[in-house]
């Protein structure tokens, strides 16, 4: 969440977008 604030909270997100951001 610090690296990518868009994933803050508990909303649902696209798994592929999360994977890409995590790997980056």
PDBML (XML) file of the C-alpha atoms, coordinates in Angstrom:
<?xml version="1.0" encoding="UTF-8" ?>
<PDBx:datablock datablockName="MODEL"
   xmlns:PDBx="http://pdbml.pdb.org/schema/pdbx-v50.xsd"
   xmlns:xsi="http://www.w3.org/2001/XMLSchema-instance"
   xsi:schemaLocation="http://pdbml.pdb.org/schema/pdbx-v50.xsd pdbx-v50.xsd">
   <PDBx:atom_siteCategory>
      <PDBx:atom_site id="1">
         <PDBx:B_iso_or_equiv>0.00</PDBx:B_iso_or_equiv>
         <PDBx:Cartn_x>0.000</PDBx:Cartn_x>
         <PDBx:Cartn_y>0.000</PDBx:Cartn_y>
         <PDBx:Cartn_z>0.000</PDBx:Cartn_z>
         <PDBx:auth_asym_id>A</PDBx:auth_asym_id>
         <PDBx:auth_atom_id>CA</PDBx:auth_atom_id>
         <PDBx:auth_comp_id>UNK</PDBx:auth_comp_id>
         <PDBx:auth_seq_id>1</PDBx:auth_seq_id>
         <PDBx:group_PDB>ATOM</PDBx:group_PDB>
         <PDBx:label_alt_id xsi:nil="true" />
         <PDBx:label_asym_id>A</PDBx:label_asym_id>
         <PDBx:label_atom_id>CA</PDBx:label_atom_id>
         <PDBx:label_comp_id>UNK</PDBx:label_comp_id>
         <PDBx:label_entity_id>1</PDBx:label_entity_id>
         <PDBx:label_seq_id>1</PDBx:label_seq_id>
         <PDBx:occupancy>1.00</PDBx:occupancy>
         <PDBx:pdbx_PDB_model_num>1</PDBx:pdbx_PDB_model_num>
         <PDBx:type_symbol>C</PDBx:type_symbol>
      </PDBx:atom_site>
      <PDBx:atom_site id="2">
         <PDBx:B_iso_or_equiv>0.00</PDBx:B_iso_or_equiv>
         <PDBx:Cartn_x>2.939</PDBx:Cartn_x>
         <PDBx:Cartn_y>2.324</PDBx:Cartn_y>
         <PDBx:Cartn_z>0.610</PDBx:Cartn_z>
         <PDBx:auth_asym_id>A</PDBx:auth_asym_id>
         <PDBx:auth_atom_id>CA</PDBx:auth_atom_id>
         <PDBx:auth_comp_id>UNK</PDBx:auth_comp_id>
         <PDBx:auth_seq_id>2</PDBx:auth_seq_id>
         <PDBx:group_PDB>ATOM</PDBx:group_PDB>
         <PDBx:label_alt_id xsi:nil="true" />
         <PDBx:label_asym_id>A</PDBx:label_asym_id>
         <PDBx:label_atom_id>CA</PDBx:label_atom_id>
         <PDBx:label_comp_id>UNK</PDBx:label_comp_id>
         <PDBx:label_entity_id>1</PDBx:label_entity_id>
         <PDBx:label_seq_id>2</PDBx:label_seq_id>
         <PDBx:occupancy>1.00</PDBx:occupancy>
         <PDBx:pdbx_PDB_model_num>1</PDBx:pdbx_PDB_model_num>
         <PDBx:type_symbol>C</PDBx:type_symbol>
      </PDBx:atom_site>
      <PDBx:atom_site id="3">
         <PDBx:B_iso_or_equiv>0.00</PDBx:B_iso_or_equiv>
         <PDBx:Cartn_x>4.371</PDBx:Cartn_x>
         <PDBx:Cartn_y>1.499</PDBx:Cartn_y>
         <PDBx:Cartn_z>-2.806</PDBx:Cartn_z>
         <PDBx:auth_asym_id>A</PDBx:auth_asym_id>
         <PDBx:auth_atom_id>CA</PDBx:auth_atom_id>
         <PDBx:auth_comp_id>UNK</PDBx:auth_comp_id>
         <PDBx:auth_seq_id>3</PDBx:auth_seq_id>
         <PDBx:group_PDB>ATOM</PDBx:group_PDB>
         <PDBx:label_alt_id xsi:nil="true" />
         <PDBx:label_asym_id>A</PDBx:label_asym_id>
         <PDBx:label_atom_id>CA</PDBx:label_atom_id>
         <PDBx:label_comp_id>UNK</PDBx:label_comp_id>
         <PDBx:label_entity_id>1</PDBx:label_entity_id>
         <PDBx:label_seq_id>3</PDBx:label_seq_id>
         <PDBx:occupancy>1.00</PDBx:occupancy>
         <PDBx:pdbx_PDB_model_num>1</PDBx:pdbx_PDB_model_num>
         <PDBx:type_symbol>C</PDBx:type_symbol>
      </PDBx:atom_site>
      <PDBx:atom_site id="4">
         <PDBx:B_iso_or_equiv>0.00</PDBx:B_iso_or_equiv>
         <PDBx:Cartn_x>1.012</PDBx:Cartn_x>
         <PDBx:Cartn_y>1.548</PDBx:Cartn_y>
         <PDBx:Cartn_z>-4.626</PDBx:Cartn_z>
         <PDBx:auth_asym_id>A</PDBx:auth_asym_id>
         <PDBx:auth_atom_id>CA</PDBx:auth_atom_id>
         <PDBx:auth_comp_id>UNK</PDBx:auth_comp_id>
         <PDBx:auth_seq_id>4</PDBx:auth_seq_id>
         <PDBx:group_PDB>ATOM</PDBx:group_PDB>
         <PDBx:label_alt_id xsi:nil="true" />
         <PDBx:label_asym_id>A</PDBx:label_asym_id>
         <PDBx:label_atom_id>CA</PDBx:label_atom_id>
         <PDBx:label_comp_id>UNK</PDBx:label_comp_id>
         <PDBx:label_entity_id>1</PDBx:label_entity_id>
         <PDBx:label_seq_id>4</PDBx:label_seq_id>
         <PDBx:occupancy>1.00</PDBx:occupancy>
         <PDBx:pdbx_PDB_model_num>1</PDBx:pdbx_PDB_model_num>
         <PDBx:type_symbol>C</PDBx:type_symbol>
      </PDBx:atom_site>
      <PDBx:atom_site id="5">
         <PDBx:B_iso_or_equiv>0.00</PDBx:B_iso_or_equiv>
         <PDBx:Cartn_x>-1.641</PDBx:Cartn_x>
         <PDBx:Cartn_y>3.477</PDBx:Cartn_y>
         <PDBx:Cartn_z>-2.652</PDBx:Cartn_z>
         <PDBx:auth_asym_id>A</PDBx:auth_asym_id>
         <PDBx:auth_atom_id>CA</PDBx:auth_atom_id>
         <PDBx:auth_comp_id>UNK</PDBx:auth_comp_id>
         <PDBx:auth_seq_id>5</PDBx:auth_seq_id>
         <PDBx:group_PDB>ATOM</PDBx:group_PDB>
         <PDBx:label_alt_id xsi:nil="true" />
         <PDBx:label_asym_id>A</PDBx:label_asym_id>
         <PDBx:label_atom_id>CA</PDBx:label_atom_id>
         <PDBx:label_comp_id>UNK</PDBx:label_comp_id>
         <PDBx:label_entity_id>1</PDBx:label_entity_id>
         <PDBx:label_seq_id>5</PDBx:label_seq_id>
         <PDBx:occupancy>1.00</PDBx:occupancy>
         <PDBx:pdbx_PDB_model_num>1</PDBx:pdbx_PDB_model_num>
         <PDBx:type_symbol>C</PDBx:type_symbol>
      </PDBx:atom_site>
      <PDBx:atom_site id="6">
         <PDBx:B_iso_or_equiv>0.00</PDBx:B_iso_or_equiv>
         <PDBx:Cartn_x>-4.315</PDBx:Cartn_x>
         <PDBx:Cartn_y>2.424</PDBx:Cartn_y>
         <PDBx:Cartn_z>-5.154</PDBx:Cartn_z>
         <PDBx:auth_asym_id>A</PDBx:auth_asym_id>
         <PDBx:auth_atom_id>CA</PDBx:auth_atom_id>
         <PDBx:auth_comp_id>UNK</PDBx:auth_comp_id>
         <PDBx:auth_seq_id>6</PDBx:auth_seq_id>
         <PDBx:group_PDB>ATOM</PDBx:group_PDB>
         <PDBx:label_alt_id xsi:nil="true" />
         <PDBx:label_asym_id>A</PDBx:label_asym_id>
         <PDBx:label_atom_id>CA</PDBx:label_atom_id>
         <PDBx:label_comp_id>UNK</PDBx:label_comp_id>
         <PDBx:label_entity_id>1</PDBx:label_entity_id>
         <PDBx:label_seq_id>6</PDBx:label_seq_id>
         <PDBx:occupancy>1.00</PDBx:occupancy>
         <PDBx:pdbx_PDB_model_num>1</PDBx:pdbx_PDB_model_num>
         <PDBx:type_symbol>C</PDBx:type_symbol>
      </PDBx:atom_site>
      <PDBx:atom_site id="7">
         <PDBx:B_iso_or_equiv>0.00</PDBx:B_iso_or_equiv>
         <PDBx:Cartn_x>-4.378</PDBx:Cartn_x>
         <PDBx:Cartn_y>-0.938</PDBx:Cartn_y>
         <PDBx:Cartn_z>-3.337</PDBx:Cartn_z>
         <PDBx:auth_asym_id>A</PDBx:auth_asym_id>
         <PDBx:auth_atom_id>CA</PDBx:auth_atom_id>
         <PDBx:auth_comp_id>UNK</PDBx:auth_comp_id>
         <PDBx:auth_seq_id>7</PDBx:auth_seq_id>
         <PDBx:group_PDB>ATOM</PDBx:group_PDB>
         <PDBx:label_alt_id xsi:nil="true" />
         <PDBx:label_asym_id>A</PDBx:label_asym_id>
         <PDBx:label_atom_id>CA</PDBx:label_atom_id>
         <PDBx:label_comp_id>UNK</PDBx:label_comp_id>
         <PDBx:label_entity_id>1</PDBx:label_entity_id>
         <PDBx:label_seq_id>7</PDBx:label_seq_id>
         <PDBx:occupancy>1.00</PDBx:occupancy>
         <PDBx:pdbx_PDB_model_num>1</PDBx:pdbx_PDB_model_num>
         <PDBx:type_symbol>C</PDBx:type_symbol>
      </PDBx:atom_site>
      <PDBx:atom_site id="8">
         <PDBx:B_iso_or_equiv>0.00</PDBx:B_iso_or_equiv>
         <PDBx:Cartn_x>-5.151</PDBx:Cartn_x>
         <PDBx:Cartn_y>0.644</PDBx:Cartn_y>
         <PDBx:Cartn_z>0.031</PDBx:Cartn_z>
         <PDBx:auth_asym_id>A</PDBx:auth_asym_id>
         <PDBx:auth_atom_id>CA</PDBx:auth_atom_id>
         <PDBx:auth_comp_id>UNK</PDBx:auth_comp_id>
         <PDBx:auth_seq_id>8</PDBx:auth_seq_id>
         <PDBx:group_PDB>ATOM</PDBx:group_PDB>
         <PDBx:label_alt_id xsi:nil="true" />
         <PDBx:label_asym_id>A</PDBx:label_asym_id>
         <PDBx:label_atom_id>CA</PDBx:label_atom_id>
         <PDBx:label_comp_id>UNK</PDBx:label_comp_id>
         <PDBx:label_entity_id>1</PDBx:label_entity_id>
         <PDBx:label_seq_id>8</PDBx:label_seq_id>
         <PDBx:occupancy>1.00</PDBx:occupancy>
         <PDBx:pdbx_PDB_model_num>1</PDBx:pdbx_PDB_model_num>
         <PDBx:type_symbol>C</PDBx:type_symbol>
      </PDBx:atom_site>
      <PDBx:atom_site id="9">
         <PDBx:B_iso_or_equiv>0.00</PDBx:B_iso_or_equiv>
         <PDBx:Cartn_x>-8.262</PDBx:Cartn_x>
         <PDBx:Cartn_y>-0.480</PDBx:Cartn_y>
         <PDBx:Cartn_z>1.824</PDBx:Cartn_z>
         <PDBx:auth_asym_id>A</PDBx:auth_asym_id>
         <PDBx:auth_atom_id>CA</PDBx:auth_atom_id>
         <PDBx:auth_comp_id>UNK</PDBx:auth_comp_id>
         <PDBx:auth_seq_id>9</PDBx:auth_seq_id>
         <PDBx:group_PDB>ATOM</PDBx:group_PDB>
         <PDBx:label_alt_id xsi:nil="true" />
         <PDBx:label_asym_id>A</PDBx:label_asym_id>
         <PDBx:label_atom_id>CA</PDBx:label_atom_id>
         <PDBx:label_comp_id>UNK</PDBx:label_comp_id>
         <PDBx:label_entity_id>1</PDBx:label_entity_id>
         <PDBx:label_seq_id>9</PDBx:label_seq_id>
         <PDBx:occupancy>1.00</PDBx:occupancy>
         <PDBx:pdbx_PDB_model_num>1</PDBx:pdbx_PDB_model_num>
         <PDBx:type_symbol>C</PDBx:type_symbol>
      </PDBx:atom_site>
      <PDBx:atom_site id="10">
         <PDBx:B_iso_or_equiv>0.00</PDBx:B_iso_or_equiv>
         <PDBx:Cartn_x>-10.231</PDBx:Cartn_x>
         <PDBx:Cartn_y>-3.615</PDBx:Cartn_y>
         <PDBx:Cartn_z>1.049</PDBx:Cartn_z>
         <PDBx:auth_asym_id>A</PDBx:auth_asym_id>
         <PDBx:auth_atom_id>CA</PDBx:auth_atom_id>
         <PDBx:auth_comp_id>UNK</PDBx:auth_comp_id>
         <PDBx:auth_seq_id>10</PDBx:auth_seq_id>
         <PDBx:group_PDB>ATOM</PDBx:group_PDB>
         <PDBx:label_alt_id xsi:nil="true" />
         <PDBx:label_asym_id>A</PDBx:label_asym_id>
         <PDBx:label_atom_id>CA</PDBx:label_atom_id>
         <PDBx:label_comp_id>UNK</PDBx:label_comp_id>
         <PDBx:label_entity_id>1</PDBx:label_entity_id>
         <PDBx:label_seq_id>10</PDBx:label_seq_id>
         <PDBx:occupancy>1.00</PDBx:occupancy>
         <PDBx:pdbx_PDB_model_num>1</PDBx:pdbx_PDB_model_num>
         <PDBx:type_symbol>C</PDBx:type_symbol>
      </PDBx:atom_site>
      <PDBx:atom_site id="11">
         <PDBx:B_iso_or_equiv>0.00</PDBx:B_iso_or_equiv>
         <PDBx:Cartn_x>-11.771</PDBx:Cartn_x>
         <PDBx:Cartn_y>-2.910</PDBx:Cartn_y>
         <PDBx:Cartn_z>-2.345</PDBx:Cartn_z>
         <PDBx:auth_asym_id>A</PDBx:auth_asym_id>
         <PDBx:auth_atom_id>CA</PDBx:auth_atom_id>
         <PDBx:auth_comp_id>UNK</PDBx:auth_comp_id>
         <PDBx:auth_seq_id>11</PDBx:auth_seq_id>
         <PDBx:group_PDB>ATOM</PDBx:group_PDB>
         <PDBx:label_alt_id xsi:nil="true" />
         <PDBx:label_asym_id>A</PDBx:label_asym_id>
         <PDBx:label_atom_id>CA</PDBx:label_atom_id>
         <PDBx:label_comp_id>UNK</PDBx:label_comp_id>
         <PDBx:label_entity_id>1</PDBx:label_entity_id>
         <PDBx:label_seq_id>11</PDBx:label_seq_id>
         <PDBx:occupancy>1.00</PDBx:occupancy>
         <PDBx:pdbx_PDB_model_num>1</PDBx:pdbx_PDB_model_num>
         <PDBx:type_symbol>C</PDBx:type_symbol>
      </PDBx:atom_site>
      <PDBx:atom_site id="12">
         <PDBx:B_iso_or_equiv>0.00</PDBx:B_iso_or_equiv>
         <PDBx:Cartn_x>-11.485</PDBx:Cartn_x>
         <PDBx:Cartn_y>-5.511</PDBx:Cartn_y>
         <PDBx:Cartn_z>-5.082</PDBx:Cartn_z>
         <PDBx:auth_asym_id>A</PDBx:auth_asym_id>
         <PDBx:auth_atom_id>CA</PDBx:auth_atom_id>
         <PDBx:auth_comp_id>UNK</PDBx:auth_comp_id>
         <PDBx:auth_seq_id>12</PDBx:auth_seq_id>
         <PDBx:group_PDB>ATOM</PDBx:group_PDB>
         <PDBx:label_alt_id xsi:nil="true" />
         <PDBx:label_asym_id>A</PDBx:label_asym_id>
         <PDBx:label_atom_id>CA</PDBx:label_atom_id>
         <PDBx:label_comp_id>UNK</PDBx:label_comp_id>
         <PDBx:label_entity_id>1</PDBx:label_entity_id>
         <PDBx:label_seq_id>12</PDBx:label_seq_id>
         <PDBx:occupancy>1.00</PDBx:occupancy>
         <PDBx:pdbx_PDB_model_num>1</PDBx:pdbx_PDB_model_num>
         <PDBx:type_symbol>C</PDBx:type_symbol>
      </PDBx:atom_site>
      <PDBx:atom_site id="13">
         <PDBx:B_iso_or_equiv>0.00</PDBx:B_iso_or_equiv>
         <PDBx:Cartn_x>-8.916</PDBx:Cartn_x>
         <PDBx:Cartn_y>-4.926</PDBx:Cartn_y>
         <PDBx:Cartn_z>-7.825</PDBx:Cartn_z>
         <PDBx:auth_asym_id>A</PDBx:auth_asym_id>
         <PDBx:auth_atom_id>CA</PDBx:auth_atom_id>
         <PDBx:auth_comp_id>UNK</PDBx:auth_comp_id>
         <PDBx:auth_seq_id>13</PDBx:auth_seq_id>
         <PDBx:group_PDB>ATOM</PDBx:group_PDB>
         <PDBx:label_alt_id xsi:nil="true" />
         <PDBx:label_asym_id>A</PDBx:label_asym_id>
         <PDBx:label_atom_id>CA</PDBx:label_atom_id>
         <PDBx:label_comp_id>UNK</PDBx:label_comp_id>
         <PDBx:label_entity_id>1</PDBx:label_entity_id>
         <PDBx:label_seq_id>13</PDBx:label_seq_id>
         <PDBx:occupancy>1.00</PDBx:occupancy>
         <PDBx:pdbx_PDB_model_num>1</PDBx:pdbx_PDB_model_num>
         <PDBx:type_symbol>C</PDBx:type_symbol>
      </PDBx:atom_site>
      <PDBx:atom_site id="14">
         <PDBx:B_iso_or_equiv>0.00</PDBx:B_iso_or_equiv>
         <PDBx:Cartn_x>-7.780</PDBx:Cartn_x>
         <PDBx:Cartn_y>-6.620</PDBx:Cartn_y>
         <PDBx:Cartn_z>-11.006</PDBx:Cartn_z>
         <PDBx:auth_asym_id>A</PDBx:auth_asym_id>
         <PDBx:auth_atom_id>CA</PDBx:auth_atom_id>
         <PDBx:auth_comp_id>UNK</PDBx:auth_comp_id>
         <PDBx:auth_seq_id>14</PDBx:auth_seq_id>
         <PDBx:group_PDB>ATOM</PDBx:group_PDB>
         <PDBx:label_alt_id xsi:nil="true" />
         <PDBx:label_asym_id>A</PDBx:label_asym_id>
         <PDBx:label_atom_id>CA</PDBx:label_atom_id>
         <PDBx:label_comp_id>UNK</PDBx:label_comp_id>
         <PDBx:label_entity_id>1</PDBx:label_entity_id>
         <PDBx:label_seq_id>14</PDBx:label_seq_id>
         <PDBx:occupancy>1.00</PDBx:occupancy>
         <PDBx:pdbx_PDB_model_num>1</PDBx:pdbx_PDB_model_num>
         <PDBx:type_symbol>C</PDBx:type_symbol>
      </PDBx:atom_site>
      <PDBx:atom_site id="15">
         <PDBx:B_iso_or_equiv>0.00</PDBx:B_iso_or_equiv>
         <PDBx:Cartn_x>-5.354</PDBx:Cartn_x>
         <PDBx:Cartn_y>-9.435</PDBx:Cartn_y>
         <PDBx:Cartn_z>-10.152</PDBx:Cartn_z>
         <PDBx:auth_asym_id>A</PDBx:auth_asym_id>
         <PDBx:auth_atom_id>CA</PDBx:auth_atom_id>
         <PDBx:auth_comp_id>UNK</PDBx:auth_comp_id>
         <PDBx:auth_seq_id>15</PDBx:auth_seq_id>
         <PDBx:group_PDB>ATOM</PDBx:group_PDB>
         <PDBx:label_alt_id xsi:nil="true" />
         <PDBx:label_asym_id>A</PDBx:label_asym_id>
         <PDBx:label_atom_id>CA</PDBx:label_atom_id>
         <PDBx:label_comp_id>UNK</PDBx:label_comp_id>
         <PDBx:label_entity_id>1</PDBx:label_entity_id>
         <PDBx:label_seq_id>15</PDBx:label_seq_id>
         <PDBx:occupancy>1.00</PDBx:occupancy>
         <PDBx:pdbx_PDB_model_num>1</PDBx:pdbx_PDB_model_num>
         <PDBx:type_symbol>C</PDBx:type_symbol>
      </PDBx:atom_site>
      <PDBx:atom_site id="16">
         <PDBx:B_iso_or_equiv>0.00</PDBx:B_iso_or_equiv>
         <PDBx:Cartn_x>-3.242</PDBx:Cartn_x>
         <PDBx:Cartn_y>-8.796</PDBx:Cartn_y>
         <PDBx:Cartn_z>-13.241</PDBx:Cartn_z>
         <PDBx:auth_asym_id>A</PDBx:auth_asym_id>
         <PDBx:auth_atom_id>CA</PDBx:auth_atom_id>
         <PDBx:auth_comp_id>UNK</PDBx:auth_comp_id>
         <PDBx:auth_seq_id>16</PDBx:auth_seq_id>
         <PDBx:group_PDB>ATOM</PDBx:group_PDB>
         <PDBx:label_alt_id xsi:nil="true" />
         <PDBx:label_asym_id>A</PDBx:label_asym_id>
         <PDBx:label_atom_id>CA</PDBx:label_atom_id>
         <PDBx:label_comp_id>UNK</PDBx:label_comp_id>
         <PDBx:label_entity_id>1</PDBx:label_entity_id>
         <PDBx:label_seq_id>16</PDBx:label_seq_id>
         <PDBx:occupancy>1.00</PDBx:occupancy>
         <PDBx:pdbx_PDB_model_num>1</PDBx:pdbx_PDB_model_num>
         <PDBx:type_symbol>C</PDBx:type_symbol>
      </PDBx:atom_site>
      <PDBx:atom_site id="17">
         <PDBx:B_iso_or_equiv>0.00</PDBx:B_iso_or_equiv>
         <PDBx:Cartn_x>-2.797</PDBx:Cartn_x>
         <PDBx:Cartn_y>-5.120</PDBx:Cartn_y>
         <PDBx:Cartn_z>-12.327</PDBx:Cartn_z>
         <PDBx:auth_asym_id>A</PDBx:auth_asym_id>
         <PDBx:auth_atom_id>CA</PDBx:auth_atom_id>
         <PDBx:auth_comp_id>UNK</PDBx:auth_comp_id>
         <PDBx:auth_seq_id>17</PDBx:auth_seq_id>
         <PDBx:group_PDB>ATOM</PDBx:group_PDB>
         <PDBx:label_alt_id xsi:nil="true" />
         <PDBx:label_asym_id>A</PDBx:label_asym_id>
         <PDBx:label_atom_id>CA</PDBx:label_atom_id>
         <PDBx:label_comp_id>UNK</PDBx:label_comp_id>
         <PDBx:label_entity_id>1</PDBx:label_entity_id>
         <PDBx:label_seq_id>17</PDBx:label_seq_id>
         <PDBx:occupancy>1.00</PDBx:occupancy>
         <PDBx:pdbx_PDB_model_num>1</PDBx:pdbx_PDB_model_num>
         <PDBx:type_symbol>C</PDBx:type_symbol>
      </PDBx:atom_site>
      <PDBx:atom_site id="18">
         <PDBx:B_iso_or_equiv>0.00</PDBx:B_iso_or_equiv>
         <PDBx:Cartn_x>-1.769</PDBx:Cartn_x>
         <PDBx:Cartn_y>-6.105</PDBx:Cartn_y>
         <PDBx:Cartn_z>-8.807</PDBx:Cartn_z>
         <PDBx:auth_asym_id>A</PDBx:auth_asym_id>
         <PDBx:auth_atom_id>CA</PDBx:auth_atom_id>
         <PDBx:auth_comp_id>UNK</PDBx:auth_comp_id>
         <PDBx:auth_seq_id>18</PDBx:auth_seq_id>
         <PDBx:group_PDB>ATOM</PDBx:group_PDB>
         <PDBx:label_alt_id xsi:nil="true" />
         <PDBx:label_asym_id>A</PDBx:label_asym_id>
         <PDBx:label_atom_id>CA</PDBx:label_atom_id>
         <PDBx:label_comp_id>UNK</PDBx:label_comp_id>
         <PDBx:label_entity_id>1</PDBx:label_entity_id>
         <PDBx:label_seq_id>18</PDBx:label_seq_id>
         <PDBx:occupancy>1.00</PDBx:occupancy>
         <PDBx:pdbx_PDB_model_num>1</PDBx:pdbx_PDB_model_num>
         <PDBx:type_symbol>C</PDBx:type_symbol>
      </PDBx:atom_site>
      <PDBx:atom_site id="19">
         <PDBx:B_iso_or_equiv>0.00</PDBx:B_iso_or_equiv>
         <PDBx:Cartn_x>0.688</PDBx:Cartn_x>
         <PDBx:Cartn_y>-8.701</PDBx:Cartn_y>
         <PDBx:Cartn_z>-10.106</PDBx:Cartn_z>
         <PDBx:auth_asym_id>A</PDBx:auth_asym_id>
         <PDBx:auth_atom_id>CA</PDBx:auth_atom_id>
         <PDBx:auth_comp_id>UNK</PDBx:auth_comp_id>
         <PDBx:auth_seq_id>19</PDBx:auth_seq_id>
         <PDBx:group_PDB>ATOM</PDBx:group_PDB>
         <PDBx:label_alt_id xsi:nil="true" />
         <PDBx:label_asym_id>A</PDBx:label_asym_id>
         <PDBx:label_atom_id>CA</PDBx:label_atom_id>
         <PDBx:label_comp_id>UNK</PDBx:label_comp_id>
         <PDBx:label_entity_id>1</PDBx:label_entity_id>
         <PDBx:label_seq_id>19</PDBx:label_seq_id>
         <PDBx:occupancy>1.00</PDBx:occupancy>
         <PDBx:pdbx_PDB_model_num>1</PDBx:pdbx_PDB_model_num>
         <PDBx:type_symbol>C</PDBx:type_symbol>
      </PDBx:atom_site>
      <PDBx:atom_site id="20">
         <PDBx:B_iso_or_equiv>0.00</PDBx:B_iso_or_equiv>
         <PDBx:Cartn_x>2.294</PDBx:Cartn_x>
         <PDBx:Cartn_y>-6.187</PDBx:Cartn_y>
         <PDBx:Cartn_z>-12.465</PDBx:Cartn_z>
         <PDBx:auth_asym_id>A</PDBx:auth_asym_id>
         <PDBx:auth_atom_id>CA</PDBx:auth_atom_id>
         <PDBx:auth_comp_id>UNK</PDBx:auth_comp_id>
         <PDBx:auth_seq_id>20</PDBx:auth_seq_id>
         <PDBx:group_PDB>ATOM</PDBx:group_PDB>
         <PDBx:label_alt_id xsi:nil="true" />
         <PDBx:label_asym_id>A</PDBx:label_asym_id>
         <PDBx:label_atom_id>CA</PDBx:label_atom_id>
         <PDBx:label_comp_id>UNK</PDBx:label_comp_id>
         <PDBx:label_entity_id>1</PDBx:label_entity_id>
         <PDBx:label_seq_id>20</PDBx:label_seq_id>
         <PDBx:occupancy>1.00</PDBx:occupancy>
         <PDBx:pdbx_PDB_model_num>1</PDBx:pdbx_PDB_model_num>
         <PDBx:type_symbol>C</PDBx:type_symbol>
      </PDBx:atom_site>
      <PDBx:atom_site id="21">
         <PDBx:B_iso_or_equiv>0.00</PDBx:B_iso_or_equiv>
         <PDBx:Cartn_x>2.631</PDBx:Cartn_x>
         <PDBx:Cartn_y>-3.554</PDBx:Cartn_y>
         <PDBx:Cartn_z>-9.745</PDBx:Cartn_z>
         <PDBx:auth_asym_id>A</PDBx:auth_asym_id>
         <PDBx:auth_atom_id>CA</PDBx:auth_atom_id>
         <PDBx:auth_comp_id>UNK</PDBx:auth_comp_id>
         <PDBx:auth_seq_id>21</PDBx:auth_seq_id>
         <PDBx:group_PDB>ATOM</PDBx:group_PDB>
         <PDBx:label_alt_id xsi:nil="true" />
         <PDBx:label_asym_id>A</PDBx:label_asym_id>
         <PDBx:label_atom_id>CA</PDBx:label_atom_id>
         <PDBx:label_comp_id>UNK</PDBx:label_comp_id>
         <PDBx:label_entity_id>1</PDBx:label_entity_id>
         <PDBx:label_seq_id>21</PDBx:label_seq_id>
         <PDBx:occupancy>1.00</PDBx:occupancy>
         <PDBx:pdbx_PDB_model_num>1</PDBx:pdbx_PDB_model_num>
         <PDBx:type_symbol>C</PDBx:type_symbol>
      </PDBx:atom_site>
      <PDBx:atom_site id="22">
         <PDBx:B_iso_or_equiv>0.00</PDBx:B_iso_or_equiv>
         <PDBx:Cartn_x>4.018</PDBx:Cartn_x>
         <PDBx:Cartn_y>-6.035</PDBx:Cartn_y>
         <PDBx:Cartn_z>-7.235</PDBx:Cartn_z>
         <PDBx:auth_asym_id>A</PDBx:auth_asym_id>
         <PDBx:auth_atom_id>CA</PDBx:auth_atom_id>
         <PDBx:auth_comp_id>UNK</PDBx:auth_comp_id>
         <PDBx:auth_seq_id>22</PDBx:auth_seq_id>
         <PDBx:group_PDB>ATOM</PDBx:group_PDB>
         <PDBx:label_alt_id xsi:nil="true" />
         <PDBx:label_asym_id>A</PDBx:label_asym_id>
         <PDBx:label_atom_id>CA</PDBx:label_atom_id>
         <PDBx:label_comp_id>UNK</PDBx:label_comp_id>
         <PDBx:label_entity_id>1</PDBx:label_entity_id>
         <PDBx:label_seq_id>22</PDBx:label_seq_id>
         <PDBx:occupancy>1.00</PDBx:occupancy>
         <PDBx:pdbx_PDB_model_num>1</PDBx:pdbx_PDB_model_num>
         <PDBx:type_symbol>C</PDBx:type_symbol>
      </PDBx:atom_site>
      <PDBx:atom_site id="23">
         <PDBx:B_iso_or_equiv>0.00</PDBx:B_iso_or_equiv>
         <PDBx:Cartn_x>6.634</PDBx:Cartn_x>
         <PDBx:Cartn_y>-7.332</PDBx:Cartn_y>
         <PDBx:Cartn_z>-9.670</PDBx:Cartn_z>
         <PDBx:auth_asym_id>A</PDBx:auth_asym_id>
         <PDBx:auth_atom_id>CA</PDBx:auth_atom_id>
         <PDBx:auth_comp_id>UNK</PDBx:auth_comp_id>
         <PDBx:auth_seq_id>23</PDBx:auth_seq_id>
         <PDBx:group_PDB>ATOM</PDBx:group_PDB>
         <PDBx:label_alt_id xsi:nil="true" />
         <PDBx:label_asym_id>A</PDBx:label_asym_id>
         <PDBx:label_atom_id>CA</PDBx:label_atom_id>
         <PDBx:label_comp_id>UNK</PDBx:label_comp_id>
         <PDBx:label_entity_id>1</PDBx:label_entity_id>
         <PDBx:label_seq_id>23</PDBx:label_seq_id>
         <PDBx:occupancy>1.00</PDBx:occupancy>
         <PDBx:pdbx_PDB_model_num>1</PDBx:pdbx_PDB_model_num>
         <PDBx:type_symbol>C</PDBx:type_symbol>
      </PDBx:atom_site>
      <PDBx:atom_site id="24">
         <PDBx:B_iso_or_equiv>0.00</PDBx:B_iso_or_equiv>
         <PDBx:Cartn_x>7.621</PDBx:Cartn_x>
         <PDBx:Cartn_y>-3.773</PDBx:Cartn_y>
         <PDBx:Cartn_z>-10.577</PDBx:Cartn_z>
         <PDBx:auth_asym_id>A</PDBx:auth_asym_id>
         <PDBx:auth_atom_id>CA</PDBx:auth_atom_id>
         <PDBx:auth_comp_id>UNK</PDBx:auth_comp_id>
         <PDBx:auth_seq_id>24</PDBx:auth_seq_id>
         <PDBx:group_PDB>ATOM</PDBx:group_PDB>
         <PDBx:label_alt_id xsi:nil="true" />
         <PDBx:label_asym_id>A</PDBx:label_asym_id>
         <PDBx:label_atom_id>CA</PDBx:label_atom_id>
         <PDBx:label_comp_id>UNK</PDBx:label_comp_id>
         <PDBx:label_entity_id>1</PDBx:label_entity_id>
         <PDBx:label_seq_id>24</PDBx:label_seq_id>
         <PDBx:occupancy>1.00</PDBx:occupancy>
         <PDBx:pdbx_PDB_model_num>1</PDBx:pdbx_PDB_model_num>
         <PDBx:type_symbol>C</PDBx:type_symbol>
      </PDBx:atom_site>
   </PDBx:atom_siteCategory>
</PDBx:datablock>
